[in-house]
Amino acid sequence: MKYQESFIPKIGDGWTLFLDRDGVINKRNMDGYILNWEAFEFLPGVLDALAIARAYFDRFIMITNQQGVGKELMTREDILDIHEKMSEEIAVHGGIIDEIFTCEALSTDFQNCRKPSPEMAFLAKDAFPDIRFNQSVMVGDTSSDMEFGHNVKMNTVLVNNNHKYQGVKPDLIFDGLPEFIEAISLYHGT
């Protein structure tokens, strides 16, 4: 775990947790894409961490780039199936994902919604008008996740990438989502 306690935000009413999917919630497929539910594998401790996080965050929003659809390696129905089963499993363990925003565009498309573009953040705010980006945390494992958060003035947490980053410096760095939630619990004395 790597963090400075003074930089952990004081989480309270109205806070939103924005989460990347691959590399934060589930094991990233380094050779390609998670094409179906059978290929989806939760990272250790994530299910329990999401349940614990409910004590600190009011909303849980997943923001994920999934260009495998744009490349026609999978369908939108495949993504919806994965997300439905993932959300059910999270709920069984006491967690929740309020909404999932997916960008299926190719990274080579001139204009697209892919992170680091803030477009999915604005879609989330449209769906949940009480979201305040300055009372939100973006947890991701890539520089595009950190840029996405910074683009709308969120707090940013980099996880699961050996504490290395390029570009925008994250506000906090942890080994994984469970370690970040543990630090919040410790910081808030619960």
N, C-alpha and C. Protein backbone atom coordinates (compact mmCIF):
# COMPACT_ATOMS: atom_id res chain seq x y z
N MET A 1 0.85 -1.17 0.00
CA MET A 1 0.00 0.00 0.00
C MET A 1 0.89 1.23 0.00
N LYS A 2 0.56 2.20 -0.84
CA LYS A 2 1.35 3.42 -0.92
C LYS A 2 0.38 4.59 -0.94
N TYR A 3 0.44 5.43 0.08
CA TYR A 3 -0.39 6.62 0.11
C TYR A 3 0.11 7.55 1.19
N GLN A 4 -0.33 8.78 1.13
CA GLN A 4 -0.07 9.72 2.20
C GLN A 4 -1.42 10.05 2.81
N GLU A 5 -1.56 9.79 4.10
CA GLU A 5 -2.85 9.94 4.77
C GLU A 5 -3.44 11.33 4.55
N SER A 6 -2.60 12.35 4.51
CA SER A 6 -3.11 13.71 4.36
C SER A 6 -3.81 13.92 3.02
N PHE A 7 -3.56 13.07 2.05
CA PHE A 7 -4.18 13.22 0.73
C PHE A 7 -5.43 12.38 0.55
N ILE A 8 -5.76 11.53 1.50
CA ILE A 8 -6.98 10.74 1.38
C ILE A 8 -8.15 11.69 1.59
N PRO A 9 -9.06 11.76 0.63
CA PRO A 9 -10.17 12.70 0.79
C PRO A 9 -11.09 12.28 1.93
N LYS A 10 -11.65 13.26 2.60
CA LYS A 10 -12.64 13.00 3.64
C LYS A 10 -13.96 12.70 2.94
N ILE A 11 -14.28 11.42 2.85
CA ILE A 11 -15.47 10.97 2.14
C ILE A 11 -16.68 11.16 3.05
N GLY A 12 -17.76 11.67 2.48
CA GLY A 12 -18.99 11.86 3.24
C GLY A 12 -20.20 11.74 2.35
N ASP A 13 -21.30 12.28 2.80
CA ASP A 13 -22.54 12.22 2.03
C ASP A 13 -22.35 12.81 0.65
N GLY A 14 -22.94 12.14 -0.32
CA GLY A 14 -22.93 12.65 -1.68
C GLY A 14 -21.75 12.26 -2.54
N TRP A 15 -20.83 11.45 -2.01
CA TRP A 15 -19.65 11.08 -2.79
C TRP A 15 -19.97 9.94 -3.77
N THR A 16 -19.29 9.97 -4.91
CA THR A 16 -19.47 8.97 -5.96
C THR A 16 -18.13 8.28 -6.22
N LEU A 17 -18.18 6.97 -6.36
CA LEU A 17 -17.00 6.20 -6.73
C LEU A 17 -17.13 5.79 -8.19
N PHE A 18 -16.24 6.31 -9.02
CA PHE A 18 -16.15 5.93 -10.43
C PHE A 18 -15.09 4.85 -10.54
N LEU A 19 -15.40 3.80 -11.26
CA LEU A 19 -14.50 2.65 -11.37
C LEU A 19 -14.27 2.27 -12.83
N ASP A 20 -13.03 2.04 -13.18
CA ASP A 20 -12.72 1.36 -14.42
C ASP A 20 -13.05 -0.12 -14.20
N ARG A 21 -13.16 -0.90 -15.25
CA ARG A 21 -13.47 -2.32 -15.08
C ARG A 21 -12.22 -3.19 -15.15
N ASP A 22 -11.69 -3.39 -16.34
CA ASP A 22 -10.56 -4.30 -16.53
C ASP A 22 -9.32 -3.76 -15.81
N GLY A 23 -8.75 -4.57 -14.92
CA GLY A 23 -7.58 -4.17 -14.16
C GLY A 23 -7.91 -3.55 -12.81
N VAL A 24 -9.19 -3.28 -12.57
CA VAL A 24 -9.63 -2.73 -11.27
C VAL A 24 -10.60 -3.71 -10.62
N ILE A 25 -11.61 -4.12 -11.36
CA ILE A 25 -12.63 -5.04 -10.86
C ILE A 25 -12.25 -6.48 -11.20
N ASN A 26 -11.80 -6.67 -12.41
CA ASN A 26 -11.46 -8.01 -12.89
C ASN A 26 -10.05 -8.03 -13.46
N LYS A 27 -9.55 -9.25 -13.56
CA LYS A 27 -8.22 -9.46 -14.13
C LYS A 27 -8.22 -9.02 -15.59
N ARG A 28 -7.25 -8.19 -15.95
CA ARG A 28 -7.12 -7.70 -17.32
C ARG A 28 -6.55 -8.82 -18.21
N ASN A 29 -7.09 -8.97 -19.42
CA ASN A 29 -6.55 -9.91 -20.39
C ASN A 29 -5.46 -9.16 -21.16
N MET A 30 -4.23 -9.44 -20.86
CA MET A 30 -3.12 -8.72 -21.47
C MET A 30 -2.94 -9.03 -22.95
N ASP A 31 -3.56 -10.10 -23.41
CA ASP A 31 -3.44 -10.49 -24.83
C ASP A 31 -4.65 -10.11 -25.66
N GLY A 32 -5.62 -9.44 -25.06
CA GLY A 32 -6.81 -9.12 -25.84
C GLY A 32 -7.92 -8.56 -24.97
N TYR A 33 -9.09 -9.16 -25.10
CA TYR A 33 -10.29 -8.63 -24.48
C TYR A 33 -11.01 -9.71 -23.68
N ILE A 34 -11.82 -9.27 -22.73
CA ILE A 34 -12.71 -10.18 -22.02
C ILE A 34 -13.93 -10.32 -22.91
N LEU A 35 -14.03 -11.43 -23.62
CA LEU A 35 -15.05 -11.58 -24.66
C LEU A 35 -16.36 -12.17 -24.15
N ASN A 36 -16.32 -12.82 -22.97
CA ASN A 36 -17.54 -13.44 -22.45
C ASN A 36 -17.39 -13.63 -20.94
N TRP A 37 -18.49 -14.03 -20.30
CA TRP A 37 -18.49 -14.18 -18.85
C TRP A 37 -17.48 -15.22 -18.39
N GLU A 38 -17.28 -16.25 -19.16
CA GLU A 38 -16.34 -17.31 -18.78
C GLU A 38 -14.91 -16.79 -18.67
N ALA A 39 -14.58 -15.73 -19.39
CA ALA A 39 -13.24 -15.14 -19.35
C ALA A 39 -13.09 -14.08 -18.26
N PHE A 40 -14.20 -13.74 -17.61
CA PHE A 40 -14.20 -12.70 -16.58
C PHE A 40 -13.80 -13.30 -15.25
N GLU A 41 -12.80 -12.71 -14.58
CA GLU A 41 -12.34 -13.20 -13.28
C GLU A 41 -12.13 -12.01 -12.34
N PHE A 42 -12.93 -11.97 -11.27
CA PHE A 42 -12.78 -10.89 -10.29
C PHE A 42 -11.38 -10.92 -9.69
N LEU A 43 -10.82 -9.75 -9.47
CA LEU A 43 -9.54 -9.66 -8.76
C LEU A 43 -9.76 -9.98 -7.29
N PRO A 44 -8.76 -10.54 -6.63
CA PRO A 44 -8.90 -10.90 -5.21
C PRO A 44 -9.31 -9.71 -4.35
N GLY A 45 -10.30 -9.94 -3.49
CA GLY A 45 -10.73 -8.95 -2.51
C GLY A 45 -11.67 -7.87 -3.02
N VAL A 46 -11.90 -7.82 -4.32
CA VAL A 46 -12.72 -6.75 -4.90
C VAL A 46 -14.18 -6.83 -4.45
N LEU A 47 -14.74 -8.02 -4.43
CA LEU A 47 -16.15 -8.15 -4.04
C LEU A 47 -16.38 -7.67 -2.61
N ASP A 48 -15.52 -8.04 -1.69
CA ASP A 48 -15.64 -7.58 -0.31
C ASP A 48 -15.40 -6.07 -0.22
N ALA A 49 -14.43 -5.57 -0.98
CA ALA A 49 -14.13 -4.13 -0.95
C ALA A 49 -15.32 -3.31 -1.41
N LEU A 50 -16.00 -3.77 -2.44
CA LEU A 50 -17.17 -3.03 -2.94
C LEU A 50 -18.29 -3.01 -1.90
N ALA A 51 -18.44 -4.10 -1.17
CA ALA A 51 -19.45 -4.13 -0.10
C ALA A 51 -19.09 -3.14 1.01
N ILE A 52 -17.84 -3.11 1.41
CA ILE A 52 -17.37 -2.19 2.46
C ILE A 52 -17.50 -0.74 2.00
N ALA A 53 -17.22 -0.50 0.73
CA ALA A 53 -17.23 0.86 0.18
C ALA A 53 -18.62 1.50 0.26
N ARG A 54 -19.66 0.71 0.38
CA ARG A 54 -21.02 1.26 0.47
C ARG A 54 -21.19 2.15 1.69
N ALA A 55 -20.36 1.96 2.70
CA ALA A 55 -20.44 2.80 3.90
C ALA A 55 -19.92 4.21 3.63
N TYR A 56 -19.18 4.40 2.54
CA TYR A 56 -18.52 5.68 2.27
C TYR A 56 -19.02 6.40 1.03
N PHE A 57 -19.52 5.67 0.06
CA PHE A 57 -19.93 6.27 -1.21
C PHE A 57 -21.42 6.06 -1.43
N ASP A 58 -22.08 7.08 -1.97
CA ASP A 58 -23.51 7.00 -2.25
C ASP A 58 -23.81 6.35 -3.60
N ARG A 59 -22.88 6.53 -4.55
CA ARG A 59 -23.09 6.00 -5.89
C ARG A 59 -21.83 5.30 -6.39
N PHE A 60 -22.07 4.31 -7.23
CA PHE A 60 -20.98 3.53 -7.82
C PHE A 60 -21.22 3.50 -9.34
N ILE A 61 -20.31 4.11 -10.07
CA ILE A 61 -20.44 4.24 -11.52
C ILE A 61 -19.24 3.56 -12.16
N MET A 62 -19.52 2.67 -13.10
CA MET A 62 -18.43 2.04 -13.85
C MET A 62 -18.30 2.74 -15.20
N ILE A 63 -17.07 3.06 -15.56
CA ILE A 63 -16.74 3.73 -16.81
C ILE A 63 -15.72 2.84 -17.52
N THR A 64 -16.08 2.30 -18.69
CA THR A 64 -15.18 1.32 -19.30
C THR A 64 -15.11 1.48 -20.82
N ASN A 65 -13.88 1.47 -21.33
CA ASN A 65 -13.64 1.42 -22.78
C ASN A 65 -13.69 -0.04 -23.21
N GLN A 66 -14.48 -0.36 -24.21
CA GLN A 66 -14.60 -1.74 -24.69
C GLN A 66 -14.59 -1.75 -26.22
N GLN A 67 -13.42 -1.46 -26.80
CA GLN A 67 -13.34 -1.39 -28.25
C GLN A 67 -13.40 -2.76 -28.93
N GLY A 68 -13.43 -3.84 -28.13
CA GLY A 68 -13.63 -5.16 -28.72
C GLY A 68 -14.93 -5.23 -29.50
N VAL A 69 -15.92 -4.44 -29.10
CA VAL A 69 -17.19 -4.38 -29.84
C VAL A 69 -16.95 -3.66 -31.17
N GLY A 70 -16.25 -2.53 -31.11
CA GLY A 70 -15.95 -1.79 -32.33
C GLY A 70 -15.11 -2.59 -33.32
N LYS A 71 -14.29 -3.50 -32.79
CA LYS A 71 -13.48 -4.36 -33.65
C LYS A 71 -14.23 -5.61 -34.11
N GLU A 72 -15.48 -5.73 -33.66
CA GLU A 72 -16.36 -6.86 -33.99
C GLU A 72 -15.82 -8.19 -33.48
N LEU A 73 -15.08 -8.15 -32.36
CA LEU A 73 -14.63 -9.37 -31.70
C LEU A 73 -15.71 -9.90 -30.76
N MET A 74 -16.64 -9.02 -30.42
CA MET A 74 -17.74 -9.33 -29.52
C MET A 74 -18.90 -8.41 -29.88
N THR A 75 -20.06 -8.70 -29.32
CA THR A 75 -21.23 -7.89 -29.59
C THR A 75 -21.60 -7.06 -28.37
N ARG A 76 -22.45 -6.11 -28.57
CA ARG A 76 -22.99 -5.33 -27.45
C ARG A 76 -23.71 -6.26 -26.47
N GLU A 77 -24.38 -7.29 -26.99
CA GLU A 77 -25.06 -8.25 -26.13
C GLU A 77 -24.07 -9.01 -25.25
N ASP A 78 -22.88 -9.31 -25.79
CA ASP A 78 -21.84 -9.96 -24.98
C ASP A 78 -21.44 -9.08 -23.80
N ILE A 79 -21.25 -7.78 -24.07
CA ILE A 79 -20.88 -6.84 -23.00
C ILE A 79 -22.00 -6.74 -21.97
N LEU A 80 -23.24 -6.63 -22.45
CA LEU A 80 -24.37 -6.53 -21.52
C LEU A 80 -24.48 -7.78 -20.65
N ASP A 81 -24.23 -8.95 -21.24
CA ASP A 81 -24.27 -10.21 -20.47
C ASP A 81 -23.19 -10.21 -19.39
N ILE A 82 -21.98 -9.83 -19.76
CA ILE A 82 -20.89 -9.76 -18.79
C ILE A 82 -21.25 -8.80 -17.66
N HIS A 83 -21.74 -7.63 -18.01
CA HIS A 83 -22.05 -6.62 -17.00
C HIS A 83 -23.22 -7.03 -16.11
N GLU A 84 -24.21 -7.69 -16.69
CA GLU A 84 -25.33 -8.16 -15.88
C GLU A 84 -24.87 -9.20 -14.86
N LYS A 85 -24.08 -10.16 -15.29
CA LYS A 85 -23.60 -11.20 -14.38
C LYS A 85 -22.62 -10.64 -13.36
N MET A 86 -21.78 -9.72 -13.78
CA MET A 86 -20.85 -9.07 -12.86
C MET A 86 -21.62 -8.31 -11.78
N SER A 87 -22.61 -7.53 -12.19
CA SER A 87 -23.41 -6.75 -11.23
C SER A 87 -24.16 -7.65 -10.27
N GLU A 88 -24.68 -8.77 -10.77
CA GLU A 88 -25.38 -9.73 -9.90
C GLU A 88 -24.43 -10.30 -8.85
N GLU A 89 -23.24 -10.65 -9.26
CA GLU A 89 -22.25 -11.21 -8.33
C GLU A 89 -21.83 -10.17 -7.29
N ILE A 90 -21.66 -8.94 -7.72
CA ILE A 90 -21.32 -7.86 -6.79
C ILE A 90 -22.44 -7.69 -5.77
N ALA A 91 -23.69 -7.72 -6.23
CA ALA A 91 -24.84 -7.55 -5.34
C ALA A 91 -24.95 -8.69 -4.35
N VAL A 92 -24.69 -9.93 -4.79
CA VAL A 92 -24.73 -11.09 -3.89
C VAL A 92 -23.77 -10.90 -2.72
N HIS A 93 -22.66 -10.21 -2.97
CA HIS A 93 -21.65 -9.99 -1.94
C HIS A 93 -21.86 -8.68 -1.17
N GLY A 94 -22.97 -7.99 -1.43
CA GLY A 94 -23.30 -6.79 -0.66
C GLY A 94 -22.88 -5.48 -1.29
N GLY A 95 -22.34 -5.52 -2.51
CA GLY A 95 -21.94 -4.31 -3.22
C GLY A 95 -23.01 -3.89 -4.21
N ILE A 96 -22.73 -2.84 -4.94
CA ILE A 96 -23.66 -2.35 -5.95
C ILE A 96 -22.89 -1.59 -7.02
N ILE A 97 -23.38 -1.68 -8.24
CA ILE A 97 -22.95 -0.79 -9.32
C ILE A 97 -24.23 -0.13 -9.80
N ASP A 98 -24.33 1.20 -9.61
CA ASP A 98 -25.57 1.90 -9.96
C ASP A 98 -25.76 2.02 -11.45
N GLU A 99 -24.67 2.21 -12.18
CA GLU A 99 -24.78 2.36 -13.63
C GLU A 99 -23.44 2.04 -14.25
N ILE A 100 -23.48 1.53 -15.48
CA ILE A 100 -22.27 1.22 -16.23
C ILE A 100 -22.33 1.98 -17.55
N PHE A 101 -21.30 2.76 -17.82
CA PHE A 101 -21.18 3.48 -19.08
C PHE A 101 -20.04 2.86 -19.86
N THR A 102 -20.35 2.44 -21.07
CA THR A 102 -19.39 1.72 -21.91
C THR A 102 -19.18 2.48 -23.21
N CYS A 103 -17.92 2.67 -23.59
CA CYS A 103 -17.60 3.23 -24.89
C CYS A 103 -17.07 2.10 -25.77
N GLU A 104 -17.76 1.87 -26.86
CA GLU A 104 -17.41 0.78 -27.78
C GLU A 104 -16.61 1.27 -28.98
N ALA A 105 -16.30 2.55 -29.02
CA ALA A 105 -15.60 3.13 -30.16
C ALA A 105 -14.17 2.62 -30.25
N LEU A 106 -13.64 2.64 -31.44
CA LEU A 106 -12.23 2.29 -31.65
C LEU A 106 -11.34 3.44 -31.20
N SER A 107 -10.17 3.11 -30.72
CA SER A 107 -9.23 4.16 -30.30
C SER A 107 -8.79 5.02 -31.48
N THR A 108 -8.94 4.50 -32.70
CA THR A 108 -8.53 5.25 -33.89
C THR A 108 -9.64 6.16 -34.42
N ASP A 109 -10.85 6.06 -33.88
CA ASP A 109 -11.93 6.94 -34.31
C ASP A 109 -11.59 8.38 -33.95
N PHE A 110 -11.84 9.30 -34.86
CA PHE A 110 -11.45 10.70 -34.66
C PHE A 110 -12.10 11.28 -33.41
N GLN A 111 -13.39 11.23 -33.32
CA GLN A 111 -14.09 11.71 -32.13
C GLN A 111 -14.78 10.52 -31.50
N ASN A 112 -14.50 10.29 -30.24
CA ASN A 112 -15.16 9.17 -29.58
C ASN A 112 -15.28 9.45 -28.09
N CYS A 113 -15.97 8.56 -27.42
CA CYS A 113 -16.26 8.72 -25.98
C CYS A 113 -15.22 8.04 -25.09
N ARG A 114 -14.21 7.46 -25.68
CA ARG A 114 -13.22 6.70 -24.90
C ARG A 114 -12.50 7.59 -23.88
N LYS A 115 -12.24 7.00 -22.70
CA LYS A 115 -11.38 7.70 -21.76
C LYS A 115 -10.03 7.93 -22.45
N PRO A 116 -9.43 9.08 -22.31
CA PRO A 116 -9.64 10.09 -21.28
C PRO A 116 -10.71 11.14 -21.58
N SER A 117 -11.43 11.04 -22.69
CA SER A 117 -12.51 11.99 -22.93
C SER A 117 -13.46 11.98 -21.74
N PRO A 118 -13.94 13.15 -21.31
CA PRO A 118 -14.86 13.20 -20.17
C PRO A 118 -16.31 12.88 -20.53
N GLU A 119 -16.56 12.47 -21.76
CA GLU A 119 -17.95 12.27 -22.22
C GLU A 119 -18.75 11.33 -21.32
N MET A 120 -18.16 10.20 -20.90
CA MET A 120 -18.91 9.26 -20.04
C MET A 120 -19.16 9.86 -18.66
N ALA A 121 -18.29 10.73 -18.18
CA ALA A 121 -18.54 11.43 -16.91
C ALA A 121 -19.76 12.32 -17.03
N PHE A 122 -19.88 13.03 -18.15
CA PHE A 122 -21.03 13.90 -18.36
C PHE A 122 -22.31 13.08 -18.53
N LEU A 123 -22.21 11.91 -19.16
CA LEU A 123 -23.38 11.03 -19.25
C LEU A 123 -23.82 10.57 -17.85
N ALA A 124 -22.86 10.29 -17.00
CA ALA A 124 -23.17 9.89 -15.62
C ALA A 124 -23.86 11.03 -14.89
N LYS A 125 -23.36 12.24 -15.07
CA LYS A 125 -23.97 13.39 -14.42
C LYS A 125 -25.37 13.65 -14.94
N ASP A 126 -25.60 13.40 -16.23
CA ASP A 126 -26.95 13.52 -16.78
C ASP A 126 -27.89 12.51 -16.12
N ALA A 127 -27.40 11.30 -15.91
CA ALA A 127 -28.22 10.24 -15.30
C ALA A 127 -28.42 10.48 -13.80
N PHE A 128 -27.41 11.05 -13.15
CA PHE A 128 -27.44 11.32 -11.71
C PHE A 128 -27.05 12.79 -11.49
N PRO A 129 -27.99 13.71 -11.64
CA PRO A 129 -27.66 15.15 -11.60
C PRO A 129 -27.00 15.62 -10.30
N ASP A 130 -27.14 14.86 -9.22
CA ASP A 130 -26.53 15.28 -7.96
C ASP A 130 -25.05 14.91 -7.86
N ILE A 131 -24.50 14.24 -8.87
CA ILE A 131 -23.06 13.95 -8.86
C ILE A 131 -22.29 15.27 -8.90
N ARG A 132 -21.33 15.38 -7.99
CA ARG A 132 -20.40 16.50 -7.99
C ARG A 132 -19.01 15.91 -8.23
N PHE A 133 -18.39 16.30 -9.30
CA PHE A 133 -17.10 15.71 -9.66
C PHE A 133 -16.03 15.98 -8.61
N ASN A 134 -16.12 17.12 -7.92
CA ASN A 134 -15.14 17.40 -6.88
C ASN A 134 -15.39 16.56 -5.62
N GLN A 135 -16.50 15.82 -5.60
CA GLN A 135 -16.79 14.86 -4.54
C GLN A 135 -16.91 13.47 -5.15
N SER A 136 -16.00 13.18 -6.05
CA SER A 136 -15.95 11.89 -6.73
C SER A 136 -14.52 11.39 -6.75
N VAL A 137 -14.39 10.08 -6.81
CA VAL A 137 -13.08 9.44 -6.92
C VAL A 137 -13.11 8.53 -8.13
N MET A 138 -12.11 8.66 -9.00
CA MET A 138 -11.94 7.76 -10.14
C MET A 138 -10.83 6.79 -9.80
N VAL A 139 -11.16 5.48 -9.81
CA VAL A 139 -10.17 4.43 -9.56
C VAL A 139 -9.92 3.72 -10.88
N GLY A 140 -8.67 3.71 -11.31
CA GLY A 140 -8.32 3.06 -12.56
C GLY A 140 -6.89 2.55 -12.53
N ASP A 141 -6.54 1.84 -13.59
CA ASP A 141 -5.20 1.24 -13.64
C ASP A 141 -4.37 1.75 -14.82
N THR A 142 -4.84 2.78 -15.51
CA THR A 142 -4.10 3.30 -16.65
C THR A 142 -4.02 4.82 -16.60
N SER A 143 -3.12 5.37 -17.39
CA SER A 143 -2.99 6.83 -17.46
C SER A 143 -4.25 7.46 -18.04
N SER A 144 -4.94 6.78 -18.95
CA SER A 144 -6.18 7.36 -19.50
C SER A 144 -7.26 7.46 -18.43
N ASP A 145 -7.27 6.54 -17.46
CA ASP A 145 -8.21 6.63 -16.33
C ASP A 145 -7.90 7.86 -15.48
N MET A 146 -6.61 8.11 -15.24
CA MET A 146 -6.21 9.25 -14.43
C MET A 146 -6.53 10.56 -15.17
N GLU A 147 -6.27 10.61 -16.46
CA GLU A 147 -6.58 11.79 -17.25
C GLU A 147 -8.08 12.05 -17.27
N PHE A 148 -8.87 10.97 -17.41
CA PHE A 148 -10.33 11.07 -17.37
C PHE A 148 -10.77 11.76 -16.08
N GLY A 149 -10.28 11.29 -14.95
CA GLY A 149 -10.63 11.89 -13.67
C GLY A 149 -10.20 13.34 -13.56
N HIS A 150 -8.98 13.61 -13.96
CA HIS A 150 -8.46 14.98 -13.89
C HIS A 150 -9.22 15.92 -14.81
N ASN A 151 -9.71 15.41 -15.94
CA ASN A 151 -10.43 16.25 -16.90
C ASN A 151 -11.70 16.86 -16.32
N VAL A 152 -12.26 16.22 -15.29
CA VAL A 152 -13.46 16.77 -14.65
C VAL A 152 -13.23 17.07 -13.17
N LYS A 153 -11.96 17.14 -12.77
CA LYS A 153 -11.56 17.54 -11.41
C LYS A 153 -11.96 16.54 -10.33
N MET A 154 -11.94 15.24 -10.66
CA MET A 154 -12.15 14.19 -9.66
C MET A 154 -10.85 13.93 -8.92
N ASN A 155 -10.95 13.33 -7.74
CA ASN A 155 -9.80 12.73 -7.07
C ASN A 155 -9.47 11.47 -7.86
N THR A 156 -8.20 11.14 -8.01
CA THR A 156 -7.83 9.97 -8.80
C THR A 156 -6.98 9.00 -7.99
N VAL A 157 -7.25 7.71 -8.22
CA VAL A 157 -6.53 6.64 -7.53
C VAL A 157 -6.06 5.64 -8.59
N LEU A 158 -4.76 5.46 -8.66
CA LEU A 158 -4.16 4.49 -9.58
C LEU A 158 -3.94 3.19 -8.83
N VAL A 159 -4.38 2.07 -9.42
CA VAL A 159 -4.23 0.76 -8.78
C VAL A 159 -3.66 -0.26 -9.76
N ASN A 160 -3.12 -1.32 -9.20
CA ASN A 160 -2.74 -2.52 -9.96
C ASN A 160 -1.82 -2.30 -11.14
N ASN A 161 -0.88 -1.37 -11.02
CA ASN A 161 0.07 -1.24 -12.13
C ASN A 161 1.50 -1.00 -11.66
N ASN A 162 1.85 -1.60 -10.53
CA ASN A 162 3.20 -1.52 -9.99
C ASN A 162 3.65 -0.10 -9.68
N HIS A 163 2.68 0.77 -9.36
CA HIS A 163 2.95 2.14 -8.94
C HIS A 163 3.65 2.96 -10.01
N LYS A 164 3.45 2.62 -11.28
CA LYS A 164 4.06 3.36 -12.38
C LYS A 164 2.96 4.12 -13.13
N TYR A 165 3.27 5.33 -13.53
CA TYR A 165 2.32 6.10 -14.31
C TYR A 165 3.06 6.99 -15.28
N GLN A 166 2.36 7.34 -16.34
CA GLN A 166 2.87 8.28 -17.33
C GLN A 166 1.82 9.37 -17.47
N GLY A 167 2.25 10.57 -17.73
CA GLY A 167 1.28 11.65 -17.92
C GLY A 167 0.82 12.22 -16.60
N VAL A 168 -0.49 12.34 -16.47
CA VAL A 168 -1.09 12.96 -15.29
C VAL A 168 -0.77 12.15 -14.05
N LYS A 169 -0.29 12.86 -13.03
CA LYS A 169 0.04 12.19 -11.77
C LYS A 169 -1.24 11.90 -10.99
N PRO A 170 -1.42 10.65 -10.54
CA PRO A 170 -2.61 10.35 -9.73
C PRO A 170 -2.50 10.98 -8.35
N ASP A 171 -3.65 11.21 -7.73
CA ASP A 171 -3.65 11.76 -6.38
C ASP A 171 -3.17 10.72 -5.37
N LEU A 172 -3.54 9.47 -5.58
CA LEU A 172 -3.16 8.38 -4.69
C LEU A 172 -2.80 7.15 -5.52
N ILE A 173 -1.95 6.30 -4.97
CA ILE A 173 -1.55 5.05 -5.63
C ILE A 173 -1.68 3.93 -4.61
N PHE A 174 -2.35 2.85 -5.02
CA PHE A 174 -2.52 1.67 -4.18
C PHE A 174 -2.28 0.42 -5.00
N ASP A 175 -2.02 -0.68 -4.29
CA ASP A 175 -1.82 -1.96 -4.97
C ASP A 175 -3.09 -2.43 -5.66
N GLY A 176 -4.26 -2.09 -5.12
CA GLY A 176 -5.52 -2.52 -5.70
C GLY A 176 -6.69 -1.80 -5.06
N LEU A 177 -7.88 -2.01 -5.58
CA LEU A 177 -9.09 -1.43 -5.02
C LEU A 177 -9.28 -1.82 -3.55
N PRO A 178 -9.06 -3.09 -3.17
CA PRO A 178 -9.23 -3.44 -1.75
C PRO A 178 -8.33 -2.62 -0.82
N GLU A 179 -7.12 -2.34 -1.23
CA GLU A 179 -6.20 -1.58 -0.39
C GLU A 179 -6.65 -0.12 -0.27
N PHE A 180 -7.21 0.44 -1.34
CA PHE A 180 -7.74 1.79 -1.28
C PHE A 180 -8.92 1.86 -0.31
N ILE A 181 -9.85 0.93 -0.41
CA ILE A 181 -11.01 0.93 0.48
C ILE A 181 -10.58 0.69 1.92
N GLU A 182 -9.58 -0.17 2.13
CA GLU A 182 -9.06 -0.38 3.48
C GLU A 182 -8.48 0.91 4.05
N ALA A 183 -7.75 1.66 3.23
CA ALA A 183 -7.17 2.92 3.69
C ALA A 183 -8.27 3.92 4.04
N ILE A 184 -9.32 3.97 3.27
CA ILE A 184 -10.45 4.86 3.58
C ILE A 184 -11.07 4.45 4.91
N SER A 185 -11.25 3.15 5.11
CA SER A 185 -11.82 2.66 6.37
C SER A 185 -10.95 3.05 7.55
N LEU A 186 -9.63 2.88 7.41
CA LEU A 186 -8.71 3.24 8.48
C LEU A 186 -8.71 4.74 8.73
N TYR A 187 -8.69 5.50 7.67
CA TYR A 187 -8.67 6.96 7.77
C TYR A 187 -9.92 7.50 8.45
N HIS A 188 -11.06 6.86 8.16
CA HIS A 188 -12.33 7.30 8.73
C HIS A 188 -12.64 6.60 10.06
N GLY A 189 -11.71 5.77 10.52
CA GLY A 189 -11.85 5.16 11.83
C GLY A 189 -12.94 4.13 11.96
N THR A 190 -13.21 3.40 10.86
CA THR A 190 -14.25 2.36 10.92
C THR A 190 -13.68 1.02 10.55
